[in-house]
Amino acid sequence: MAVPAPGLPARVRIHEVGARDGLQNEKTAVPTEVKAEFIRRLADAGLRTVEATSFVHPKWVPQLADAEQLYPQLADLAGAGVHLPVLVPNERGLDRALALGADRIAVFGSATETFAARNLNRTVAESLAMFEPVVARAKEGGAHVRGYLSMCFGDPWEGPVPVAQVVGVAKALLDLGCDELSLGDTIGTGTPGHVRSLLAALNGAGVATDRIGVHFHDTYGQALANTLAALEHGVATVDASAGGLGGCPYAKSATGNLATEDLVWMLDGLGIETGVDLAALTATSVWMAERLGRPSPSRTVRALSHKE
């Protein structure tokens, strides 16, 4: 039953990351044709932003080594109004993406020095310098650019991350020209008060709420609570992963992303529009779980798929 709550957005845009952030963690490579079918099923379920792949060197993320083969298979979806962002780490990755016609690009930064060193082999400042020409060239080509910022709440090596530190790197990413920012709780340690504090600090530094998205992991069971805190602040872009797939290959304590089905169940109950057909989405995650050989960790998928 839908029971709206006051002060929440009328509509939320779900940024679906299962096909990229989810599948990059699989121990074995998922066939390209299965990835393409997964993305098509997600689009058919009503998701209009489906992150497709990453143009990272195959040495680092072998599960996404088929980006050049996958992306062209999705051209008709792009023509039908489905946004298909791709992650690029540097100018070489950007070249590969642009050559295939990608018009939505994402870069992936870190709020902490240790994770920047482990994930990007650079300091935070050096990573921002690496992103500068990537963002500039993407924007010159008319692409929309998203800036991911990881470790916004806690870091497995450095512990709690100061809000001011996160704000500084977030501002730097936006100053490069990123159109939007995704705040990542990479190891899932954030809590609602921490979310509110960070969002308020970003606003205080001149970052408008409509340029912010949130990306929560459910390691400590806080993803939906944190999402609701962000919605109450006015955030209307939420990252989620169909079936709760994924984590982070460079942060061993990062368990699954917020499951898209769990998010949609909550948003439907709040009367917030998403355009997503929950039954079709659940069926998609069940289909994908069968191909991965294990059940979905999403509570909503498990509840709906086991009903008689």
C-alpha atoms as a PDB file:
ATOM      1  CA  MET A   1       0.000   0.000   0.000  1.00  0.00           C
ATOM      2  CA  ALA A   2       1.377   3.389  -0.981  1.00  0.00           C
ATOM      3  CA  VAL A   3       1.434   5.832   1.929  1.00  0.00           C
ATOM      4  CA  PRO A   4       3.284   9.009   0.920  1.00  0.00           C
ATOM      5  CA  ALA A   5       5.465  10.841   3.418  1.00  0.00           C
ATOM      6  CA  PRO A   6       5.805  14.624   3.364  1.00  0.00           C
ATOM      7  CA  GLY A   7       8.861  16.381   2.004  1.00  0.00           C
ATOM      8  CA  LEU A   8      10.114  13.644  -0.308  1.00  0.00           C
ATOM      9  CA  PRO A   9      10.804  13.901  -4.062  1.00  0.00           C
ATOM     10  CA  ALA A  10       7.839  13.063  -6.300  1.00  0.00           C
ATOM     11  CA  ARG A  11      10.084  11.017  -8.574  1.00  0.00           C
ATOM     12  CA  VAL A  12      13.448   9.287  -8.150  1.00  0.00           C
ATOM     13  CA  ARG A  13      15.838   8.420 -10.970  1.00  0.00           C
ATOM     14  CA  ILE A  14      17.422   5.048 -10.308  1.00  0.00           C
ATOM     15  CA  HIS A  15      20.960   4.745 -11.667  1.00  0.00           C
ATOM     16  CA  GLU A  16      21.224   0.995 -12.212  1.00  0.00           C
ATOM     17  CA  VAL A  17      24.767  -0.323 -11.712  1.00  0.00           C
ATOM     18  CA  GLY A  18      24.282  -4.099 -11.674  1.00  0.00           C
ATOM     19  CA  ALA A  19      25.676  -4.755 -15.136  1.00  0.00           C
ATOM     20  CA  ARG A  20      28.921  -2.936 -14.339  1.00  0.00           C
ATOM     21  CA  ASP A  21      29.495  -2.603 -10.600  1.00  0.00           C
ATOM     22  CA  GLY A  22      27.739  -5.897  -9.973  1.00  0.00           C
ATOM     23  CA  LEU A  23      29.261  -8.134 -12.610  1.00  0.00           C
ATOM     24  CA  GLN A  24      32.814  -6.763 -12.258  1.00  0.00           C
ATOM     25  CA  ASN A  25      33.076  -8.721  -9.003  1.00  0.00           C
ATOM     26  CA  GLU A  26      32.209 -12.129 -10.412  1.00  0.00           C
ATOM     27  CA  LYS A  27      34.943 -14.723 -10.041  1.00  0.00           C
ATOM     28  CA  THR A  28      34.335 -15.975 -13.568  1.00  0.00           C
ATOM     29  CA  ALA A  29      33.544 -13.960 -16.672  1.00  0.00           C
ATOM     30  CA  VAL A  30      29.883 -13.663 -17.614  1.00  0.00           C
ATOM     31  CA  PRO A  31      29.335 -14.240 -21.365  1.00  0.00           C
ATOM     32  CA  THR A  32      28.829 -11.079 -23.392  1.00  0.00           C
ATOM     33  CA  GLU A  33      25.455 -12.234 -24.686  1.00  0.00           C
ATOM     34  CA  VAL A  34      24.239 -12.775 -21.106  1.00  0.00           C
ATOM     35  CA  LYS A  35      25.330  -9.254 -20.138  1.00  0.00           C
ATOM     36  CA  ALA A  36      23.520  -7.808 -23.162  1.00  0.00           C
ATOM     37  CA  GLU A  37      20.348  -9.726 -22.327  1.00  0.00           C
ATOM     38  CA  PHE A  38      20.596  -8.627 -18.679  1.00  0.00           C
ATOM     39  CA  ILE A  39      20.799  -4.968 -19.702  1.00  0.00           C
ATOM     40  CA  ARG A  40      17.878  -5.371 -22.119  1.00  0.00           C
ATOM     41  CA  ARG A  41      15.736  -6.964 -19.424  1.00  0.00           C
ATOM     42  CA  LEU A  42      16.605  -4.147 -17.006  1.00  0.00           C
ATOM     43  CA  ALA A  43      15.556  -1.589 -19.622  1.00  0.00           C
ATOM     44  CA  ASP A  44      12.355  -3.528 -20.330  1.00  0.00           C
ATOM     45  CA  ALA A  45      11.577  -3.358 -16.598  1.00  0.00           C
ATOM     46  CA  GLY A  46      11.532   0.435 -16.888  1.00  0.00           C
ATOM     47  CA  LEU A  47      15.037   1.438 -15.832  1.00  0.00           C
ATOM     48  CA  ARG A  48      16.167   4.365 -17.963  1.00  0.00           C
ATOM     49  CA  THR A  49      19.752   4.660 -16.735  1.00  0.00           C
ATOM     50  CA  VAL A  50      21.672   1.385 -16.896  1.00  0.00           C
ATOM     51  CA  GLU A  51      25.434   1.578 -16.481  1.00  0.00           C
ATOM     52  CA  ALA A  52      26.666  -0.772 -19.170  1.00  0.00           C
ATOM     53  CA  THR A  53      30.361  -1.513 -18.681  1.00  0.00           C
ATOM     54  CA  SER A  54      33.808  -0.133 -17.935  1.00  0.00           C
ATOM     55  CA  PHE A  55      36.670   0.704 -20.253  1.00  0.00           C
ATOM     56  CA  VAL A  56      39.280  -0.137 -17.646  1.00  0.00           C
ATOM     57  CA  HIS A  57      42.282  -2.173 -18.834  1.00  0.00           C
ATOM     58  CA  PRO A  58      41.313  -5.878 -18.835  1.00  0.00           C
ATOM     59  CA  LYS A  59      44.310  -6.624 -16.615  1.00  0.00           C
ATOM     60  CA  TRP A  60      42.600  -4.814 -13.735  1.00  0.00           C
ATOM     61  CA  VAL A  61      38.971  -5.809 -14.332  1.00  0.00           C
ATOM     62  CA  PRO A  62      39.017  -8.926 -16.543  1.00  0.00           C
ATOM     63  CA  GLN A  63      35.288  -9.484 -16.052  1.00  0.00           C
ATOM     64  CA  LEU A  64      34.597  -6.387 -18.209  1.00  0.00           C
ATOM     65  CA  ALA A  65      37.206  -7.069 -20.887  1.00  0.00           C
ATOM     66  CA  ASP A  66      34.451  -7.402 -23.483  1.00  0.00           C
ATOM     67  CA  ALA A  67      33.382  -3.730 -23.416  1.00  0.00           C
ATOM     68  CA  GLU A  68      34.106  -3.289 -27.131  1.00  0.00           C
ATOM     69  CA  GLN A  69      31.982  -6.320 -27.971  1.00  0.00           C
ATOM     70  CA  LEU A  70      29.131  -5.498 -25.572  1.00  0.00           C
ATOM     71  CA  TYR A  71      28.481  -1.805 -26.127  1.00  0.00           C
ATOM     72  CA  PRO A  72      27.634  -1.984 -29.864  1.00  0.00           C
ATOM     73  CA  GLN A  73      25.004  -4.631 -29.112  1.00  0.00           C
ATOM     74  CA  LEU A  74      23.092  -2.025 -27.088  1.00  0.00           C
ATOM     75  CA  ALA A  75      22.870   0.710 -29.734  1.00  0.00           C
ATOM     76  CA  ASP A  76      19.115   0.297 -30.194  1.00  0.00           C
ATOM     77  CA  LEU A  77      18.526   0.866 -26.467  1.00  0.00           C
ATOM     78  CA  ALA A  78      20.356   4.189 -26.621  1.00  0.00           C
ATOM     79  CA  GLY A  79      18.136   5.140 -29.543  1.00  0.00           C
ATOM     80  CA  ALA A  80      15.061   4.253 -27.489  1.00  0.00           C
ATOM     81  CA  GLY A  81      15.855   6.680 -24.683  1.00  0.00           C
ATOM     82  CA  VAL A  82      17.826   4.418 -22.350  1.00  0.00           C
ATOM     83  CA  HIS A  83      20.979   6.051 -21.009  1.00  0.00           C
ATOM     84  CA  LEU A  84      23.976   3.694 -20.999  1.00  0.00           C
ATOM     85  CA  PRO A  85      26.800   5.304 -18.990  1.00  0.00           C
ATOM     86  CA  VAL A  86      30.259   3.724 -19.046  1.00  0.00           C
ATOM     87  CA  LEU A  87      33.131   4.022 -16.602  1.00  0.00           C
ATOM     88  CA  VAL A  88      36.457   5.298 -17.947  1.00  0.00           C
ATOM     89  CA  PRO A  89      39.646   5.479 -15.860  1.00  0.00           C
ATOM     90  CA  ASN A  90      41.772   7.695 -18.094  1.00  0.00           C
ATOM     91  CA  GLU A  91      42.121   9.147 -21.596  1.00  0.00           C
ATOM     92  CA  ARG A  92      42.799   5.744 -23.151  1.00  0.00           C
ATOM     93  CA  GLY A  93      39.553   4.459 -21.732  1.00  0.00           C
ATOM     94  CA  LEU A  94      37.778   7.600 -22.927  1.00  0.00           C
ATOM     95  CA  ASP A  95      39.109   7.080 -26.447  1.00  0.00           C
ATOM     96  CA  ARG A  96      37.745   3.529 -26.478  1.00  0.00           C
ATOM     97  CA  ALA A  97      34.345   4.668 -25.200  1.00  0.00           C
ATOM     98  CA  LEU A  98      33.987   7.615 -27.570  1.00  0.00           C
ATOM     99  CA  ALA A  99      34.980   5.458 -30.530  1.00  0.00           C
ATOM    100  CA  LEU A 100      31.865   3.382 -29.857  1.00  0.00           C
ATOM    101  CA  GLY A 101      29.590   6.401 -29.525  1.00  0.00           C
ATOM    102  CA  ALA A 102      29.250   6.529 -25.742  1.00  0.00           C
ATOM    103  CA  ASP A 103      27.634   9.799 -24.652  1.00  0.00           C
ATOM    104  CA  ARG A 104      27.563   9.272 -20.887  1.00  0.00           C
ATOM    105  CA  ILE A 105      30.900   8.913 -19.141  1.00  0.00           C
ATOM    106  CA  ALA A 106      31.829   8.313 -15.513  1.00  0.00           C
ATOM    107  CA  VAL A 107      35.126   8.766 -13.695  1.00  0.00           C
ATOM    108  CA  PHE A 108      35.863   7.100 -10.376  1.00  0.00           C
ATOM    109  CA  GLY A 109      37.698   9.030  -7.664  1.00  0.00           C
ATOM    110  CA  SER A 110      38.466   8.511  -4.001  1.00  0.00           C
ATOM    111  CA  ALA A 111      37.979  10.692  -0.947  1.00  0.00           C
ATOM    112  CA  THR A 112      40.916   8.984   0.798  1.00  0.00           C
ATOM    113  CA  GLU A 113      44.587   8.666  -0.032  1.00  0.00           C
ATOM    114  CA  THR A 114      44.902   4.961   0.795  1.00  0.00           C
ATOM    115  CA  PHE A 115      42.083   3.888  -1.470  1.00  0.00           C
ATOM    116  CA  ALA A 116      43.319   6.203  -4.230  1.00  0.00           C
ATOM    117  CA  ALA A 117      46.707   4.495  -4.005  1.00  0.00           C
ATOM    118  CA  ARG A 118      45.239   0.997  -4.017  1.00  0.00           C
ATOM    119  CA  ASN A 119      42.564   1.574  -6.658  1.00  0.00           C
ATOM    120  CA  LEU A 120      44.205   4.153  -8.933  1.00  0.00           C
ATOM    121  CA  ASN A 121      47.889   3.861  -7.990  1.00  0.00           C
ATOM    122  CA  ARG A 122      47.924   7.619  -7.452  1.00  0.00           C
ATOM    123  CA  THR A 123      47.400  10.239  -4.779  1.00  0.00           C
ATOM    124  CA  VAL A 124      44.036  11.987  -4.667  1.00  0.00           C
ATOM    125  CA  ALA A 125      45.577  15.064  -6.307  1.00  0.00           C
ATOM    126  CA  GLU A 126      47.226  12.977  -9.009  1.00  0.00           C
ATOM    127  CA  SER A 127      43.966  11.188  -9.754  1.00  0.00           C
ATOM    128  CA  LEU A 128      42.159  14.509 -10.143  1.00  0.00           C
ATOM    129  CA  ALA A 129      44.886  15.658 -12.525  1.00  0.00           C
ATOM    130  CA  MET A 130      44.386  12.444 -14.512  1.00  0.00           C
ATOM    131  CA  PHE A 131      40.628  13.050 -14.709  1.00  0.00           C
ATOM    132  CA  GLU A 132      40.941  16.684 -15.824  1.00  0.00           C
ATOM    133  CA  PRO A 133      41.584  16.015 -19.543  1.00  0.00           C
ATOM    134  CA  VAL A 134      39.135  13.101 -19.506  1.00  0.00           C
ATOM    135  CA  VAL A 135      36.296  15.299 -18.282  1.00  0.00           C
ATOM    136  CA  ALA A 136      37.284  18.208 -20.519  1.00  0.00           C
ATOM    137  CA  ARG A 137      37.422  16.081 -23.671  1.00  0.00           C
ATOM    138  CA  ALA A 138      34.191  14.273 -22.819  1.00  0.00           C
ATOM    139  CA  LYS A 139      32.403  17.584 -22.298  1.00  0.00           C
ATOM    140  CA  GLU A 140      33.842  18.988 -25.525  1.00  0.00           C
ATOM    141  CA  GLY A 141      32.329  16.001 -27.292  1.00  0.00           C
ATOM    142  CA  GLY A 142      28.912  16.689 -25.781  1.00  0.00           C
ATOM    143  CA  ALA A 143      28.971  13.836 -23.256  1.00  0.00           C
ATOM    144  CA  HIS A 144      27.359  13.906 -19.841  1.00  0.00           C
ATOM    145  CA  VAL A 145      29.949  13.242 -17.118  1.00  0.00           C
ATOM    146  CA  ARG A 146      29.338  11.663 -13.720  1.00  0.00           C
ATOM    147  CA  GLY A 147      31.937  11.751 -10.974  1.00  0.00           C
ATOM    148  CA  TYR A 148      31.947   8.800  -8.594  1.00  0.00           C
ATOM    149  CA  LEU A 149      33.483   9.527  -5.220  1.00  0.00           C
ATOM    150  CA  SER A 150      34.259   6.448  -3.131  1.00  0.00           C
ATOM    151  CA  MET A 151      34.984   6.137   0.600  1.00  0.00           C
ATOM    152  CA  CYS A 152      32.747   9.085   1.487  1.00  0.00           C
ATOM    153  CA  PHE A 153      31.875   7.722   4.928  1.00  0.00           C
ATOM    154  CA  GLY A 154      34.453   5.171   5.977  1.00  0.00           C
ATOM    155  CA  ASP A 155      37.663   3.633   4.671  1.00  0.00           C
ATOM    156  CA  PRO A 156      38.888   0.140   5.678  1.00  0.00           C
ATOM    157  CA  TRP A 157      42.437   1.439   6.192  1.00  0.00           C
ATOM    158  CA  GLU A 158      41.869   4.998   7.419  1.00  0.00           C
ATOM    159  CA  GLY A 159      38.635   4.574   9.389  1.00  0.00           C
ATOM    160  CA  PRO A 160      35.916   7.251   9.479  1.00  0.00           C
ATOM    161  CA  VAL A 161      36.424   9.880   6.783  1.00  0.00           C
ATOM    162  CA  PRO A 162      36.074  13.544   7.884  1.00  0.00           C
ATOM    163  CA  VAL A 163      33.158  15.311   6.208  1.00  0.00           C
ATOM    164  CA  ALA A 164      35.327  18.295   5.268  1.00  0.00           C
ATOM    165  CA  GLN A 165      37.767  15.984   3.478  1.00  0.00           C
ATOM    166  CA  VAL A 166      34.957  14.487   1.390  1.00  0.00           C
ATOM    167  CA  VAL A 167      33.547  17.921   0.563  1.00  0.00           C
ATOM    168  CA  GLY A 168      36.953  19.098  -0.653  1.00  0.00           C
ATOM    169  CA  VAL A 169      37.375  16.230  -3.119  1.00  0.00           C
ATOM    170  CA  ALA A 170      33.725  16.405  -4.190  1.00  0.00           C
ATOM    171  CA  LYS A 171      34.088  20.092  -5.000  1.00  0.00           C
ATOM    172  CA  ALA A 172      37.272  19.384  -6.951  1.00  0.00           C
ATOM    173  CA  LEU A 173      35.490  16.765  -9.078  1.00  0.00           C
ATOM    174  CA  LEU A 174      32.658  19.149  -9.855  1.00  0.00           C
ATOM    175  CA  ASP A 175      35.119  21.946 -10.594  1.00  0.00           C
ATOM    176  CA  LEU A 176      36.636  19.712 -13.290  1.00  0.00           C
ATOM    177  CA  GLY A 177      33.280  19.898 -15.061  1.00  0.00           C
ATOM    178  CA  CYS A 178      31.396  16.828 -13.860  1.00  0.00           C
ATOM    179  CA  ASP A 179      27.657  17.224 -14.305  1.00  0.00           C
ATOM    180  CA  GLU A 180      26.746  15.127 -11.308  1.00  0.00           C
ATOM    181  CA  LEU A 181      28.363  13.536  -8.298  1.00  0.00           C
ATOM    182  CA  SER A 182      27.694  10.092  -6.833  1.00  0.00           C
ATOM    183  CA  LEU A 183      28.593   9.794  -3.154  1.00  0.00           C
ATOM    184  CA  GLY A 184      29.752   6.254  -2.409  1.00  0.00           C
ATOM    185  CA  ASP A 185      29.538   4.491   0.927  1.00  0.00           C
ATOM    186  CA  THR A 186      31.958   1.893  -0.388  1.00  0.00           C
ATOM    187  CA  ILE A 187      32.200  -0.261   2.738  1.00  0.00           C
ATOM    188  CA  GLY A 188      28.700   0.460   4.046  1.00  0.00           C
ATOM    189  CA  THR A 189      29.624   2.101   7.347  1.00  0.00           C
ATOM    190  CA  GLY A 190      27.513   5.235   6.888  1.00  0.00           C
ATOM    191  CA  THR A 191      24.467   5.964   9.039  1.00  0.00           C
ATOM    192  CA  PRO A 192      21.591   8.426   8.459  1.00  0.00           C
ATOM    193  CA  GLY A 193      22.986  11.224  10.624  1.00  0.00           C
ATOM    194  CA  HIS A 194      26.304  11.015   8.798  1.00  0.00           C
ATOM    195  CA  VAL A 195      24.464  11.177   5.462  1.00  0.00           C
ATOM    196  CA  ARG A 196      22.554  14.297   6.510  1.00  0.00           C
ATOM    197  CA  SER A 197      25.735  15.929   7.786  1.00  0.00           C
ATOM    198  CA  LEU A 198      27.614  15.333   4.535  1.00  0.00           C
ATOM    199  CA  LEU A 199      24.758  16.544   2.350  1.00  0.00           C
ATOM    200  CA  ALA A 200      24.350  19.687   4.449  1.00  0.00           C
ATOM    201  CA  ALA A 201      28.097  20.361   4.263  1.00  0.00           C
ATOM    202  CA  LEU A 202      28.069  19.955   0.476  1.00  0.00           C
ATOM    203  CA  ASN A 203      25.201  22.417   0.215  1.00  0.00           C
ATOM    204  CA  GLY A 204      27.107  24.784   2.469  1.00  0.00           C
ATOM    205  CA  ALA A 205      30.057  24.572   0.088  1.00  0.00           C
ATOM    206  CA  GLY A 206      27.852  25.554  -2.836  1.00  0.00           C
ATOM    207  CA  VAL A 207      26.986  22.097  -4.230  1.00  0.00           C
ATOM    208  CA  ALA A 208      23.333  21.966  -5.224  1.00  0.00           C
ATOM    209  CA  THR A 209      21.359  18.919  -4.111  1.00  0.00           C
ATOM    210  CA  ASP A 210      20.154  18.266  -7.665  1.00  0.00           C
ATOM    211  CA  ARG A 211      23.740  17.507  -8.699  1.00  0.00           C
ATOM    212  CA  ILE A 212      24.103  14.785  -6.062  1.00  0.00           C
ATOM    213  CA  GLY A 213      23.345  11.086  -6.243  1.00  0.00           C
ATOM    214  CA  VAL A 214      23.926   8.495  -3.529  1.00  0.00           C
ATOM    215  CA  HIS A 215      25.478   5.026  -3.770  1.00  0.00           C
ATOM    216  CA  PHE A 216      25.051   2.925  -0.633  1.00  0.00           C
ATOM    217  CA  HIS A 217      26.306  -0.546   0.218  1.00  0.00           C
ATOM    218  CA  ASP A 218      24.378  -2.708   2.648  1.00  0.00           C
ATOM    219  CA  THR A 219      27.291  -4.174   4.616  1.00  0.00           C
ATOM    220  CA  TYR A 220      25.778  -3.159   7.964  1.00  0.00           C
ATOM    221  CA  GLY A 221      22.139  -3.128   6.834  1.00  0.00           C
ATOM    222  CA  GLN A 222      22.063   0.678   6.547  1.00  0.00           C
ATOM    223  CA  ALA A 223      21.514   1.194   2.810  1.00  0.00           C
ATOM    224  CA  LEU A 224      17.754   1.835   2.845  1.00  0.00           C
ATOM    225  CA  ALA A 225      17.905   3.954   6.007  1.00  0.00           C
ATOM    226  CA  ASN A 226      20.659   6.031   4.461  1.00  0.00           C
ATOM    227  CA  THR A 227      18.715   6.349   1.222  1.00  0.00           C
ATOM    228  CA  LEU A 228      15.659   7.616   3.081  1.00  0.00           C
ATOM    229  CA  ALA A 229      17.817  10.211   4.862  1.00  0.00           C
ATOM    230  CA  ALA A 230      19.088  11.380   1.468  1.00  0.00           C
ATOM    231  CA  LEU A 231      15.545  11.526   0.055  1.00  0.00           C
ATOM    232  CA  GLU A 232      14.454  13.620   3.025  1.00  0.00           C
ATOM    233  CA  HIS A 233      17.256  16.022   2.147  1.00  0.00           C
ATOM    234  CA  GLY A 234      15.947  16.258  -1.423  1.00  0.00           C
ATOM    235  CA  VAL A 235      18.291  13.895  -3.272  1.00  0.00           C
ATOM    236  CA  ALA A 236      16.420  12.347  -6.213  1.00  0.00           C
ATOM    237  CA  THR A 237      19.111  10.171  -7.835  1.00  0.00           C
ATOM    238  CA  VAL A 238      19.866   6.831  -6.190  1.00  0.00           C
ATOM    239  CA  ASP A 239      22.302   4.171  -7.392  1.00  0.00           C
ATOM    240  CA  ALA A 240      21.251   0.561  -6.975  1.00  0.00           C
ATOM    241  CA  SER A 241      22.131  -2.873  -8.321  1.00  0.00           C
ATOM    242  CA  ALA A 242      19.586  -5.389  -9.558  1.00  0.00           C
ATOM    243  CA  GLY A 243      19.465  -8.320  -7.182  1.00  0.00           C
ATOM    244  CA  GLY A 244      22.016  -6.659  -4.878  1.00  0.00           C
ATOM    245  CA  LEU A 245      24.940  -7.703  -7.073  1.00  0.00           C
ATOM    246  CA  GLY A 246      28.409  -6.325  -6.513  1.00  0.00           C
ATOM    247  CA  GLY A 247      30.778  -4.672  -4.112  1.00  0.00           C
ATOM    248  CA  CYS A 248      34.247  -3.399  -4.896  1.00  0.00           C
ATOM    249  CA  PRO A 249      37.215  -5.531  -6.016  1.00  0.00           C
ATOM    250  CA  TYR A 250      39.694  -3.216  -4.271  1.00  0.00           C
ATOM    251  CA  ALA A 251      37.875  -3.007  -0.926  1.00  0.00           C
ATOM    252  CA  LYS A 252      37.554  -6.504   0.485  1.00  0.00           C
ATOM    253  CA  SER A 253      35.077  -5.506   3.189  1.00  0.00           C
ATOM    254  CA  ALA A 254      32.668  -4.045   0.622  1.00  0.00           C
ATOM    255  CA  THR A 255      29.673  -6.336   0.288  1.00  0.00           C
ATOM    256  CA  GLY A 256      26.719  -5.897  -1.994  1.00  0.00           C
ATOM    257  CA  ASN A 257      25.220  -2.730  -3.320  1.00  0.00           C
ATOM    258  CA  LEU A 258      21.729  -1.649  -2.336  1.00  0.00           C
ATOM    259  CA  ALA A 259      19.412  -4.007  -4.237  1.00  0.00           C
ATOM    260  CA  THR A 260      17.275  -2.201  -6.803  1.00  0.00           C
ATOM    261  CA  GLU A 261      14.240  -4.307  -5.866  1.00  0.00           C
ATOM    262  CA  ASP A 262      14.544  -3.370  -2.187  1.00  0.00           C
ATOM    263  CA  LEU A 263      14.785   0.290  -3.190  1.00  0.00           C
ATOM    264  CA  VAL A 264      11.775   0.098  -5.517  1.00  0.00           C
ATOM    265  CA  TRP A 265       9.683  -1.645  -2.852  1.00  0.00           C
ATOM    266  CA  MET A 266      10.361   1.236  -0.464  1.00  0.00           C
ATOM    267  CA  LEU A 267       9.812   3.931  -3.086  1.00  0.00           C
ATOM    268  CA  ASP A 268       6.568   2.315  -4.258  1.00  0.00           C
ATOM    269  CA  GLY A 269       5.397   2.259  -0.650  1.00  0.00           C
ATOM    270  CA  LEU A 270       6.184   5.958  -0.327  1.00  0.00           C
ATOM    271  CA  GLY A 271       4.257   6.768  -3.496  1.00  0.00           C
ATOM    272  CA  ILE A 272       7.422   7.948  -5.251  1.00  0.00           C
ATOM    273  CA  GLU A 273       7.489   7.412  -9.014  1.00  0.00           C
ATOM    274  CA  THR A 274      10.356   5.455 -10.573  1.00  0.00           C
ATOM    275  CA  GLY A 275       8.872   4.085 -13.790  1.00  0.00           C
ATOM    276  CA  VAL A 276      10.075   0.616 -12.771  1.00  0.00           C
ATOM    277  CA  ASP A 277       7.928  -2.514 -12.951  1.00  0.00           C
ATOM    278  CA  LEU A 278       8.923  -4.374  -9.784  1.00  0.00           C
ATOM    279  CA  ALA A 279       7.637  -7.754 -10.977  1.00  0.00           C
ATOM    280  CA  ALA A 280       9.616  -7.530 -14.214  1.00  0.00           C
ATOM    281  CA  LEU A 281      12.706  -6.371 -12.355  1.00  0.00           C
ATOM    282  CA  THR A 282      12.448  -9.229  -9.856  1.00  0.00           C
ATOM    283  CA  ALA A 283      12.079 -11.728 -12.695  1.00  0.00           C
ATOM    284  CA  THR A 284      15.214 -10.266 -14.279  1.00  0.00           C
ATOM    285  CA  SER A 285      17.227 -10.719 -11.097  1.00  0.00           C
ATOM    286  CA  VAL A 286      15.972 -14.290 -10.684  1.00  0.00           C
ATOM    287  CA  TRP A 287      17.018 -14.966 -14.292  1.00  0.00           C
ATOM    288  CA  MET A 288      20.473 -13.493 -13.660  1.00  0.00           C
ATOM    289  CA  ALA A 289      20.883 -15.378 -10.388  1.00  0.00           C
ATOM    290  CA  GLU A 290      20.238 -18.629 -12.246  1.00  0.00           C
ATOM    291  CA  ARG A 291      23.043 -17.805 -14.653  1.00  0.00           C
ATOM    292  CA  LEU A 292      25.405 -16.952 -11.814  1.00  0.00           C
ATOM    293  CA  GLY A 293      24.505 -20.161 -10.000  1.00  0.00           C
ATOM    294  CA  ARG A 294      23.413 -18.652  -6.711  1.00  0.00           C
ATOM    295  CA  PRO A 295      20.325 -16.959  -5.219  1.00  0.00           C
ATOM    296  CA  SER A 296      19.938 -13.201  -5.175  1.00  0.00           C
ATOM    297  CA  PRO A 297      20.814 -11.566  -1.834  1.00  0.00           C
ATOM    298  CA  SER A 298      17.927  -9.098  -2.267  1.00  0.00           C
ATOM    299  CA  ARG A 299      15.280  -9.605   0.406  1.00  0.00           C
ATOM    300  CA  THR A 300      12.563  -8.364  -1.953  1.00  0.00           C
ATOM    301  CA  VAL A 301      13.644 -10.715  -4.731  1.00  0.00           C
ATOM    302  CA  ARG A 302      13.597 -13.635  -2.312  1.00  0.00           C
ATOM    303  CA  ALA A 303      10.182 -12.665  -0.897  1.00  0.00           C
ATOM    304  CA  LEU A 304       8.495 -12.101  -4.249  1.00  0.00           C
ATOM    305  CA  SER A 305      10.058 -15.044  -6.059  1.00  0.00           C
ATOM    306  CA  HIS A 306       9.063 -17.539  -3.356  1.00  0.00           C
ATOM    307  CA  LYS A 307       5.398 -16.581  -3.276  1.00  0.00           C
ATOM    308  CA  GLU A 308       3.066 -19.285  -4.517  1.00  0.00           C
END
